[in-house]
Structure formats: C-alpha cells, structure tokens
N, C-alpha and C. Protein backbone atom coordinates (compact mmCIF):
# COMPACT_ATOMS: atom_id res chain seq x y z
N MET A 1 0.84 -1.18 0.00
CA MET A 1 0.00 0.00 0.00
C MET A 1 0.89 1.24 0.00
N ALA A 2 0.49 2.30 -0.67
CA ALA A 2 1.29 3.52 -0.78
C ALA A 2 1.39 4.23 0.56
N HIS A 3 2.44 5.05 0.68
CA HIS A 3 2.62 5.83 1.90
C HIS A 3 1.39 6.69 2.15
N GLY A 4 0.95 6.72 3.39
CA GLY A 4 -0.17 7.57 3.75
C GLY A 4 -1.51 7.09 3.21
N ALA A 5 -1.58 5.86 2.70
CA ALA A 5 -2.82 5.36 2.10
C ALA A 5 -3.82 4.86 3.14
N PHE A 6 -3.44 4.87 4.40
CA PHE A 6 -4.33 4.42 5.46
C PHE A 6 -5.08 5.60 6.03
N SER A 7 -6.38 5.42 6.28
CA SER A 7 -7.18 6.53 6.80
C SER A 7 -6.95 6.77 8.28
N ASP A 8 -6.56 5.71 9.01
CA ASP A 8 -6.28 5.90 10.43
C ASP A 8 -5.35 4.80 10.92
N ALA A 9 -4.90 4.94 12.16
CA ALA A 9 -3.94 3.98 12.74
C ALA A 9 -4.55 2.59 12.90
N GLU A 10 -5.84 2.53 13.17
CA GLU A 10 -6.48 1.22 13.33
C GLU A 10 -6.47 0.45 12.02
N GLU A 11 -6.75 1.13 10.93
CA GLU A 11 -6.72 0.47 9.62
C GLU A 11 -5.30 0.00 9.30
N PHE A 12 -4.32 0.84 9.59
CA PHE A 12 -2.92 0.46 9.39
C PHE A 12 -2.58 -0.79 10.21
N ALA A 13 -2.95 -0.79 11.48
CA ALA A 13 -2.63 -1.91 12.37
C ALA A 13 -3.26 -3.21 11.86
N ARG A 14 -4.51 -3.15 11.44
CA ARG A 14 -5.18 -4.34 10.94
C ARG A 14 -4.49 -4.87 9.69
N ALA A 15 -4.10 -3.96 8.81
CA ALA A 15 -3.53 -4.37 7.53
C ALA A 15 -2.07 -4.82 7.63
N ARG A 16 -1.30 -4.24 8.53
CA ARG A 16 0.15 -4.46 8.51
C ARG A 16 0.75 -5.14 9.73
N LEU A 17 -0.05 -5.49 10.74
CA LEU A 17 0.51 -6.07 11.96
C LEU A 17 1.29 -7.36 11.67
N ASP A 18 0.75 -8.23 10.83
CA ASP A 18 1.46 -9.48 10.54
C ASP A 18 2.79 -9.23 9.84
N ALA A 19 2.82 -8.32 8.89
CA ALA A 19 4.07 -8.00 8.20
C ALA A 19 5.08 -7.38 9.16
N LEU A 20 4.61 -6.53 10.06
CA LEU A 20 5.51 -5.94 11.06
C LEU A 20 6.03 -7.02 12.01
N ARG A 21 5.19 -7.97 12.35
CA ARG A 21 5.62 -9.07 13.22
C ARG A 21 6.71 -9.89 12.53
N ARG A 22 6.56 -10.17 11.24
CA ARG A 22 7.58 -10.93 10.51
C ARG A 22 8.89 -10.13 10.44
N PHE A 23 8.77 -8.85 10.17
CA PHE A 23 9.96 -7.98 10.14
C PHE A 23 10.66 -8.02 11.50
N ALA A 24 9.90 -7.88 12.55
CA ALA A 24 10.47 -7.89 13.90
C ALA A 24 11.08 -9.26 14.22
N TYR A 25 10.49 -10.31 13.70
CA TYR A 25 11.02 -11.66 13.92
C TYR A 25 12.40 -11.80 13.29
N LEU A 26 12.55 -11.28 12.08
CA LEU A 26 13.86 -11.32 11.42
C LEU A 26 14.88 -10.50 12.20
N ILE A 27 14.46 -9.36 12.69
CA ILE A 27 15.37 -8.48 13.42
C ILE A 27 15.75 -9.09 14.77
N SER A 28 14.78 -9.61 15.49
CA SER A 28 15.02 -10.05 16.87
C SER A 28 15.39 -11.52 16.99
N GLY A 29 14.91 -12.35 16.07
CA GLY A 29 15.18 -13.77 16.14
C GLY A 29 14.29 -14.52 17.11
N SER A 30 13.29 -13.88 17.65
CA SER A 30 12.42 -14.51 18.63
C SER A 30 10.97 -14.15 18.33
N ALA A 31 10.11 -15.16 18.27
CA ALA A 31 8.69 -14.90 18.00
C ALA A 31 8.06 -14.07 19.11
N ALA A 32 8.44 -14.36 20.36
CA ALA A 32 7.87 -13.61 21.48
C ALA A 32 8.28 -12.14 21.42
N GLU A 33 9.55 -11.89 21.14
CA GLU A 33 10.01 -10.50 21.02
C GLU A 33 9.39 -9.84 19.80
N ALA A 34 9.21 -10.60 18.73
CA ALA A 34 8.61 -10.04 17.53
C ALA A 34 7.19 -9.56 17.81
N ASP A 35 6.43 -10.37 18.56
CA ASP A 35 5.07 -9.95 18.93
C ASP A 35 5.11 -8.66 19.73
N ASP A 36 5.99 -8.62 20.73
CA ASP A 36 6.11 -7.41 21.56
C ASP A 36 6.50 -6.20 20.73
N LEU A 37 7.54 -6.35 19.91
CA LEU A 37 8.03 -5.22 19.12
C LEU A 37 6.98 -4.72 18.14
N ALA A 38 6.27 -5.64 17.48
CA ALA A 38 5.25 -5.23 16.51
C ALA A 38 4.11 -4.50 17.21
N GLN A 39 3.70 -4.99 18.37
CA GLN A 39 2.62 -4.34 19.10
C GLN A 39 3.05 -2.97 19.61
N ILE A 40 4.29 -2.87 20.10
CA ILE A 40 4.80 -1.58 20.54
C ILE A 40 4.81 -0.60 19.37
N ALA A 41 5.24 -1.07 18.22
CA ALA A 41 5.29 -0.20 17.04
C ALA A 41 3.90 0.29 16.64
N VAL A 42 2.92 -0.60 16.66
CA VAL A 42 1.55 -0.21 16.30
C VAL A 42 1.01 0.81 17.30
N VAL A 43 1.29 0.61 18.57
CA VAL A 43 0.83 1.57 19.58
C VAL A 43 1.49 2.93 19.36
N GLU A 44 2.79 2.93 19.08
CA GLU A 44 3.47 4.20 18.85
C GLU A 44 2.96 4.90 17.59
N VAL A 45 2.66 4.13 16.55
CA VAL A 45 2.07 4.73 15.35
C VAL A 45 0.72 5.36 15.71
N TRP A 46 -0.09 4.64 16.48
CA TRP A 46 -1.40 5.15 16.88
C TRP A 46 -1.25 6.42 17.71
N GLN A 47 -0.31 6.43 18.68
CA GLN A 47 -0.12 7.60 19.54
C GLN A 47 0.38 8.81 18.77
N ARG A 48 1.10 8.57 17.70
CA ARG A 48 1.71 9.67 16.94
C ARG A 48 1.17 9.73 15.51
N TRP A 49 -0.07 9.35 15.33
CA TRP A 49 -0.66 9.26 14.00
C TRP A 49 -0.49 10.52 13.16
N PRO A 50 -0.67 11.73 13.68
CA PRO A 50 -0.49 12.89 12.80
C PRO A 50 0.89 12.92 12.13
N LYS A 51 1.92 12.52 12.85
CA LYS A 51 3.27 12.48 12.27
C LYS A 51 3.51 11.15 11.54
N ALA A 52 3.19 10.05 12.20
CA ALA A 52 3.48 8.72 11.66
C ALA A 52 2.60 8.37 10.47
N GLY A 53 1.42 8.95 10.38
CA GLY A 53 0.47 8.63 9.32
C GLY A 53 0.95 8.97 7.92
N GLN A 54 1.99 9.82 7.83
CA GLN A 54 2.54 10.15 6.51
C GLN A 54 3.23 8.94 5.89
N ASN A 55 3.86 8.12 6.70
CA ASN A 55 4.49 6.88 6.25
C ASN A 55 4.52 5.91 7.43
N PRO A 56 3.38 5.35 7.80
CA PRO A 56 3.30 4.54 9.01
C PRO A 56 4.17 3.29 8.98
N GLU A 57 4.35 2.70 7.82
CA GLU A 57 5.19 1.49 7.71
C GLU A 57 6.63 1.81 8.09
N ALA A 58 7.18 2.86 7.53
CA ALA A 58 8.56 3.25 7.85
C ALA A 58 8.68 3.64 9.32
N TYR A 59 7.70 4.35 9.82
CA TYR A 59 7.71 4.76 11.23
C TYR A 59 7.70 3.54 12.14
N ALA A 60 6.85 2.58 11.82
CA ALA A 60 6.74 1.36 12.64
C ALA A 60 8.03 0.55 12.57
N ARG A 61 8.62 0.43 11.39
CA ARG A 61 9.88 -0.31 11.28
C ARG A 61 10.98 0.36 12.09
N GLN A 62 11.01 1.68 12.06
CA GLN A 62 12.02 2.39 12.84
C GLN A 62 11.82 2.14 14.34
N VAL A 63 10.58 2.14 14.78
CA VAL A 63 10.29 1.84 16.19
C VAL A 63 10.78 0.43 16.53
N ILE A 64 10.50 -0.53 15.66
CA ILE A 64 10.92 -1.91 15.90
C ILE A 64 12.44 -2.00 16.01
N VAL A 65 13.13 -1.40 15.07
CA VAL A 65 14.59 -1.47 15.08
C VAL A 65 15.16 -0.77 16.31
N THR A 66 14.65 0.41 16.61
CA THR A 66 15.14 1.18 17.75
C THR A 66 14.92 0.42 19.05
N ARG A 67 13.74 -0.11 19.24
CA ARG A 67 13.46 -0.86 20.46
C ARG A 67 14.30 -2.13 20.54
N ASN A 68 14.49 -2.79 19.41
CA ASN A 68 15.30 -4.00 19.41
C ASN A 68 16.77 -3.69 19.72
N VAL A 69 17.27 -2.61 19.16
CA VAL A 69 18.65 -2.19 19.46
C VAL A 69 18.79 -1.96 20.95
N SER A 70 17.83 -1.30 21.55
CA SER A 70 17.87 -1.07 23.00
C SER A 70 17.90 -2.39 23.76
N ARG A 71 17.13 -3.36 23.29
CA ARG A 71 17.09 -4.66 23.96
C ARG A 71 18.42 -5.39 23.85
N TRP A 72 19.01 -5.43 22.63
CA TRP A 72 20.25 -6.20 22.52
C TRP A 72 21.42 -5.46 23.12
N ARG A 73 21.31 -4.19 23.31
CA ARG A 73 22.38 -3.50 24.03
C ARG A 73 22.34 -3.87 25.51
N ARG A 74 21.15 -4.14 26.02
CA ARG A 74 21.01 -4.52 27.43
C ARG A 74 21.41 -5.97 27.67
N ARG A 75 21.04 -6.85 26.78
CA ARG A 75 21.42 -8.25 26.98
C ARG A 75 21.98 -8.79 25.66
N ARG A 76 23.16 -9.26 25.73
CA ARG A 76 23.91 -9.64 24.52
C ARG A 76 23.53 -10.98 23.91
N ARG A 77 23.17 -11.95 24.69
CA ARG A 77 22.87 -13.27 24.14
C ARG A 77 21.56 -13.83 24.70
N GLU A 78 20.89 -14.62 23.88
CA GLU A 78 19.69 -15.32 24.32
C GLU A 78 19.48 -16.56 23.48
N VAL A 79 18.68 -17.48 23.94
CA VAL A 79 18.36 -18.69 23.20
C VAL A 79 17.21 -18.37 22.26
N LEU A 80 17.38 -18.68 20.98
CA LEU A 80 16.37 -18.38 19.98
C LEU A 80 15.47 -19.60 19.77
N THR A 81 14.16 -19.38 19.89
CA THR A 81 13.20 -20.46 19.71
C THR A 81 11.96 -19.92 19.04
N ASP A 82 11.01 -20.79 18.85
CA ASP A 82 9.68 -20.46 18.32
C ASP A 82 9.67 -20.31 16.82
N ASP A 83 8.47 -20.19 16.32
CA ASP A 83 8.24 -19.96 14.91
C ASP A 83 7.17 -18.90 14.81
N VAL A 84 7.00 -18.30 13.66
CA VAL A 84 6.02 -17.24 13.51
C VAL A 84 5.20 -17.50 12.25
N ASP A 85 3.94 -17.16 12.28
CA ASP A 85 3.10 -17.27 11.09
C ASP A 85 3.57 -16.22 10.10
N HIS A 86 3.49 -16.54 8.83
CA HIS A 86 3.95 -15.59 7.82
C HIS A 86 3.23 -15.80 6.49
N ARG A 87 3.22 -14.74 5.72
CA ARG A 87 2.65 -14.75 4.37
C ARG A 87 3.75 -14.36 3.40
N SER A 88 3.51 -14.45 2.14
CA SER A 88 4.55 -14.16 1.16
C SER A 88 4.43 -12.76 0.56
N ASP A 89 3.81 -11.82 1.27
CA ASP A 89 3.64 -10.48 0.71
C ASP A 89 4.73 -9.49 1.11
N ASP A 90 5.80 -9.97 1.74
CA ASP A 90 6.88 -9.06 2.10
C ASP A 90 8.20 -9.81 2.12
N PRO A 91 9.32 -9.10 2.10
CA PRO A 91 10.63 -9.74 2.03
C PRO A 91 10.93 -10.68 3.20
N ALA A 92 10.38 -10.40 4.35
CA ALA A 92 10.66 -11.24 5.52
C ALA A 92 10.17 -12.66 5.33
N ALA A 93 9.10 -12.84 4.59
CA ALA A 93 8.53 -14.18 4.41
C ALA A 93 9.52 -15.11 3.72
N THR A 94 10.24 -14.61 2.72
CA THR A 94 11.22 -15.42 2.01
C THR A 94 12.30 -15.92 2.96
N ALA A 95 12.80 -15.03 3.80
CA ALA A 95 13.88 -15.40 4.71
C ALA A 95 13.39 -16.37 5.77
N VAL A 96 12.19 -16.17 6.27
CA VAL A 96 11.66 -17.05 7.30
C VAL A 96 11.36 -18.43 6.71
N ASP A 97 10.89 -18.47 5.46
CA ASP A 97 10.58 -19.74 4.81
C ASP A 97 11.82 -20.52 4.41
N ASN A 98 12.91 -19.83 4.12
CA ASN A 98 14.11 -20.48 3.64
C ASN A 98 14.96 -20.93 4.83
N GLY A 99 14.95 -22.21 5.11
CA GLY A 99 15.66 -22.74 6.27
C GLY A 99 17.14 -22.43 6.29
N ALA A 100 17.80 -22.55 5.14
CA ALA A 100 19.23 -22.28 5.08
C ALA A 100 19.52 -20.81 5.38
N LEU A 101 18.74 -19.93 4.81
CA LEU A 101 18.94 -18.50 5.05
C LEU A 101 18.64 -18.16 6.51
N TRP A 102 17.57 -18.73 7.04
CA TRP A 102 17.22 -18.47 8.44
C TRP A 102 18.34 -18.94 9.36
N GLN A 103 18.87 -20.14 9.12
CA GLN A 103 19.97 -20.64 9.94
C GLN A 103 21.20 -19.76 9.81
N ALA A 104 21.47 -19.28 8.61
CA ALA A 104 22.63 -18.40 8.41
C ALA A 104 22.45 -17.09 9.17
N LEU A 105 21.25 -16.53 9.14
CA LEU A 105 21.00 -15.29 9.88
C LEU A 105 21.19 -15.50 11.38
N GLN A 106 20.89 -16.70 11.87
CA GLN A 106 21.06 -16.99 13.29
C GLN A 106 22.53 -17.08 13.70
N GLN A 107 23.42 -17.21 12.72
CA GLN A 107 24.86 -17.25 13.02
C GLN A 107 25.39 -15.85 13.35
N LEU A 108 24.61 -14.84 13.02
CA LEU A 108 25.03 -13.46 13.23
C LEU A 108 24.59 -12.96 14.60
N GLY A 109 25.33 -12.00 15.12
CA GLY A 109 24.88 -11.31 16.31
C GLY A 109 23.70 -10.43 15.95
N LYS A 110 22.99 -9.95 16.96
CA LYS A 110 21.79 -9.16 16.68
C LYS A 110 22.11 -7.88 15.89
N ALA A 111 23.21 -7.24 16.20
CA ALA A 111 23.56 -6.01 15.49
C ALA A 111 23.81 -6.29 14.01
N GLU A 112 24.57 -7.33 13.73
CA GLU A 112 24.86 -7.67 12.33
C GLU A 112 23.59 -8.13 11.61
N ARG A 113 22.78 -8.95 12.28
CA ARG A 113 21.54 -9.43 11.67
C ARG A 113 20.62 -8.26 11.33
N THR A 114 20.55 -7.28 12.22
CA THR A 114 19.71 -6.11 11.97
C THR A 114 20.17 -5.39 10.71
N VAL A 115 21.47 -5.19 10.58
CA VAL A 115 22.00 -4.49 9.40
C VAL A 115 21.69 -5.29 8.13
N VAL A 116 21.90 -6.59 8.16
CA VAL A 116 21.65 -7.42 6.98
C VAL A 116 20.18 -7.38 6.58
N VAL A 117 19.30 -7.55 7.54
CA VAL A 117 17.86 -7.55 7.24
C VAL A 117 17.44 -6.21 6.65
N LEU A 118 17.88 -5.12 7.27
CA LEU A 118 17.48 -3.80 6.77
C LEU A 118 18.09 -3.51 5.40
N HIS A 119 19.34 -3.87 5.20
CA HIS A 119 20.01 -3.53 3.94
C HIS A 119 19.63 -4.47 2.79
N VAL A 120 19.67 -5.77 3.04
CA VAL A 120 19.45 -6.73 1.96
C VAL A 120 17.97 -6.94 1.67
N LEU A 121 17.19 -7.20 2.70
CA LEU A 121 15.78 -7.52 2.46
C LEU A 121 14.91 -6.29 2.27
N TYR A 122 15.21 -5.22 3.03
CA TYR A 122 14.34 -4.04 2.97
C TYR A 122 14.97 -2.87 2.23
N ARG A 123 16.17 -3.06 1.70
CA ARG A 123 16.83 -2.10 0.81
C ARG A 123 17.11 -0.72 1.44
N TYR A 124 17.35 -0.68 2.74
CA TYR A 124 17.77 0.58 3.37
C TYR A 124 19.25 0.80 3.06
N THR A 125 19.64 2.06 2.90
CA THR A 125 21.06 2.39 2.71
C THR A 125 21.76 2.36 4.06
N PHE A 126 23.08 2.32 4.04
CA PHE A 126 23.83 2.33 5.29
C PHE A 126 23.56 3.60 6.08
N SER A 127 23.40 4.71 5.39
CA SER A 127 23.09 5.98 6.07
C SER A 127 21.73 5.91 6.77
N GLU A 128 20.76 5.34 6.09
CA GLU A 128 19.43 5.20 6.70
C GLU A 128 19.49 4.26 7.91
N ILE A 129 20.23 3.16 7.77
CA ILE A 129 20.35 2.21 8.88
C ILE A 129 21.06 2.88 10.05
N ALA A 130 22.10 3.65 9.76
CA ALA A 130 22.82 4.36 10.82
C ALA A 130 21.89 5.30 11.57
N ALA A 131 21.02 5.99 10.84
CA ALA A 131 20.06 6.90 11.48
C ALA A 131 19.05 6.13 12.33
N ILE A 132 18.56 5.02 11.81
CA ILE A 132 17.59 4.22 12.54
C ILE A 132 18.20 3.67 13.83
N CYS A 133 19.42 3.15 13.73
CA CYS A 133 20.08 2.52 14.88
C CYS A 133 20.83 3.51 15.76
N ASP A 134 20.87 4.76 15.33
CA ASP A 134 21.56 5.81 16.07
C ASP A 134 23.04 5.44 16.27
N GLU A 135 23.67 5.10 15.16
CA GLU A 135 25.08 4.72 15.17
C GLU A 135 25.75 5.34 13.95
N PRO A 136 27.09 5.46 13.99
CA PRO A 136 27.80 6.02 12.84
C PRO A 136 27.70 5.11 11.61
N PRO A 137 27.67 5.69 10.43
CA PRO A 137 27.61 4.87 9.21
C PRO A 137 28.76 3.89 9.10
N GLY A 138 29.93 4.25 9.59
CA GLY A 138 31.08 3.35 9.56
C GLY A 138 30.84 2.09 10.37
N THR A 139 30.15 2.22 11.48
CA THR A 139 29.83 1.06 12.32
C THR A 139 28.88 0.13 11.56
N VAL A 140 27.91 0.72 10.90
CA VAL A 140 26.95 -0.08 10.12
C VAL A 140 27.68 -0.80 8.99
N SER A 141 28.55 -0.09 8.30
CA SER A 141 29.32 -0.68 7.20
C SER A 141 30.20 -1.82 7.70
N SER A 142 30.86 -1.63 8.83
CA SER A 142 31.72 -2.68 9.41
C SER A 142 30.90 -3.92 9.77
N ARG A 143 29.75 -3.68 10.37
CA ARG A 143 28.89 -4.81 10.75
C ARG A 143 28.43 -5.58 9.51
N TYR A 144 28.11 -4.85 8.47
CA TYR A 144 27.67 -5.50 7.24
C TYR A 144 28.81 -6.34 6.64
N ALA A 145 30.01 -5.80 6.63
CA ALA A 145 31.16 -6.53 6.09
C ALA A 145 31.42 -7.81 6.90
N ARG A 146 31.36 -7.71 8.23
CA ARG A 146 31.55 -8.90 9.07
C ARG A 146 30.43 -9.92 8.80
N ALA A 147 29.22 -9.42 8.71
CA ALA A 147 28.08 -10.31 8.48
C ALA A 147 28.21 -11.02 7.13
N LYS A 148 28.65 -10.32 6.11
CA LYS A 148 28.81 -10.93 4.79
C LYS A 148 29.81 -12.09 4.84
N ARG A 149 30.91 -11.90 5.59
CA ARG A 149 31.90 -12.98 5.70
C ARG A 149 31.29 -14.21 6.36
N VAL A 150 30.54 -14.00 7.43
CA VAL A 150 29.91 -15.12 8.14
C VAL A 150 28.87 -15.79 7.24
N LEU A 151 28.05 -14.99 6.58
CA LEU A 151 27.00 -15.55 5.72
C LEU A 151 27.59 -16.30 4.53
N ARG A 152 28.64 -15.76 3.93
CA ARG A 152 29.27 -16.46 2.81
C ARG A 152 29.77 -17.83 3.24
N ALA A 153 30.43 -17.87 4.38
CA ALA A 153 30.96 -19.14 4.88
C ALA A 153 29.83 -20.13 5.17
N HIS A 154 28.77 -19.64 5.73
CA HIS A 154 27.66 -20.51 6.11
C HIS A 154 26.80 -20.92 4.91
N LEU A 155 26.67 -20.03 3.92
CA LEU A 155 25.76 -20.27 2.81
C LEU A 155 26.43 -20.82 1.56
N ALA A 156 27.74 -20.89 1.52
CA ALA A 156 28.44 -21.32 0.31
C ALA A 156 27.85 -22.59 -0.30
N PRO A 157 27.58 -23.62 0.50
CA PRO A 157 27.03 -24.85 -0.10
C PRO A 157 25.57 -24.73 -0.55
N THR A 158 24.84 -23.71 -0.12
CA THR A 158 23.40 -23.64 -0.41
C THR A 158 23.01 -22.42 -1.24
N ARG A 159 23.95 -21.76 -1.87
CA ARG A 159 23.62 -20.53 -2.61
C ARG A 159 22.54 -20.70 -3.67
N SER A 160 22.59 -21.77 -4.43
CA SER A 160 21.59 -21.94 -5.49
C SER A 160 20.20 -22.10 -4.91
N THR A 161 20.06 -22.70 -3.75
CA THR A 161 18.76 -22.87 -3.10
C THR A 161 18.18 -21.52 -2.70
N ILE A 162 19.02 -20.66 -2.16
CA ILE A 162 18.56 -19.36 -1.71
C ILE A 162 18.18 -18.49 -2.89
N ARG A 163 18.97 -18.51 -3.94
CA ARG A 163 18.66 -17.69 -5.12
C ARG A 163 17.32 -18.10 -5.71
N SER A 164 17.06 -19.37 -5.77
CA SER A 164 15.79 -19.81 -6.35
C SER A 164 14.62 -19.45 -5.43
N GLY A 165 14.86 -19.35 -4.13
CA GLY A 165 13.81 -18.97 -3.19
C GLY A 165 13.48 -17.51 -3.22
N ARG A 166 14.42 -16.65 -3.63
CA ARG A 166 14.19 -15.20 -3.66
C ARG A 166 13.43 -14.77 -4.87
N GLY A 167 13.47 -15.53 -5.95
CA GLY A 167 12.90 -15.14 -7.22
C GLY A 167 11.49 -14.86 -7.14
C-alpha cells in the first residue's frame, strides 16, 4: 500500500501487523520478542498518528529497530526459539521460509543481523540504517562486512537454493 494510504492507525494496524511481526522476527530472532516489538510499534504509530500517518510502515519499522537495538544493548545473548506465522507479501517471508537462510541469519549477532535484514531484504542504505540505529555509518558498514563474511561461509554450499527462493 502507498505511503499515507491508510485513513487511520487502526486500519494500518489491521492491515500491517502481521508483516511488522515478521519484520520484527527477522530483526530479533524470537517470535515472542517479535510480537512485543510489533505491538509496541503499532501503539506508537497510533499515539503519533499525525506524524506517523505520513508513512506509518517506515515509522513502525524504525520503532521496531530502535526498540530491538535497545534490547540487545542490554542483553547480549539469548536462546532463539519459536516460529512465527507468515505470508509471502513481504521480504521477511522469504527469509523465514528459507531454512538455510534463516539458519545463516542466526549465526550473526543481533547487530549484524539487523544491518543485513534492513540492507538486503528491505533495501535501506547504510546511512538510513545508521540513522535508525543511532550509530555512525562506519559502524553499520563494518557490521555488514563482518556479516557478509559469516554468511558467505555458512551459505556457500546452499547458494543456489537461496537464489531460487528469492525469485
């Protein structure tokens, strides 16, 4: 749906909550955290509708990333479990459906995974990611470079599978 195409926050929440949950799942690696982050994002969009209503999807994603960054700064490691319902109407669905890609993303730390998801799946620039995460662009670039090395090593045997899944 186009930016600002929602008449109110409730309509946005009904239409996009599942997609936001999938996005949050990719970012956080936990279905429980994804539910929390998506709901927090929807509430913040609702509370700030006059501002957020211009592009509620981008606003909600920024809330999800910002809140997740705060969480992983507080606690560095956790056990990843659960699964999440998903549809194929957004980039997150491909990654969640593709077992090899999902396993490869789990090899990354939360900071690196966040950069990869935002840059590769959602096409944010490093400058945009730096602004969202409130970090210098150089830090984002470094994280992406480290993540690429880990992903290449982990995905080398399964590259053709992933390419066919993205099409």
